[in-house]
């Protein structure tokens, strides 16, 4: 999760991609505070950036206007399939906090997804590519202080913990339970 200060004028999302056929229909669907925003979204576009690559980006806002404080989410669709999504917090009230993630399940957690309440998608894994959390252990994680929906899955993508409306605005402990 990323954040921008109040008064930000532009927000850009960057993606790497693979296996997108030339000429495919694609959308970059933006939401603000959980509500779809057609003015920011790029809909029914034709893909012309090649089948794979890095650093594809889409931006909203302009130098002449200020983005309202809130939670911004972008989801990239190729045809009807969502390929990626992520959220960004805009506003001075969104600050980094440390959360101690405790695995209270009987399974190793390989993927942890924290999605701001109201977001349309789970978004990316909040662990890095080499981090897992064995049963009964804990680890610190820096996140933007907010209220989240939480999804934890094992290495075979089986859900081991799912919680909604978890207040992490002040940091603290996030206990994953079955």
Foldseek 3Di string as FASTA:
>chain_A
DAEAAFQDFKDKDWDWAAQADFQFFKKWWKDWLLHTDPVQIDGRDTDHPDRTGGTDMGMDGDPVDTDDFTKMKIWMDGHNDTDFMDIYGYYPLWDKDKAKEFEQFQAKWQFKFWAAPSDPDRGGGQDPNPDIHHHGGIDIGIDTFHFTWMFTAHPVRHTQATGHRHGCNHHYYHYGHD
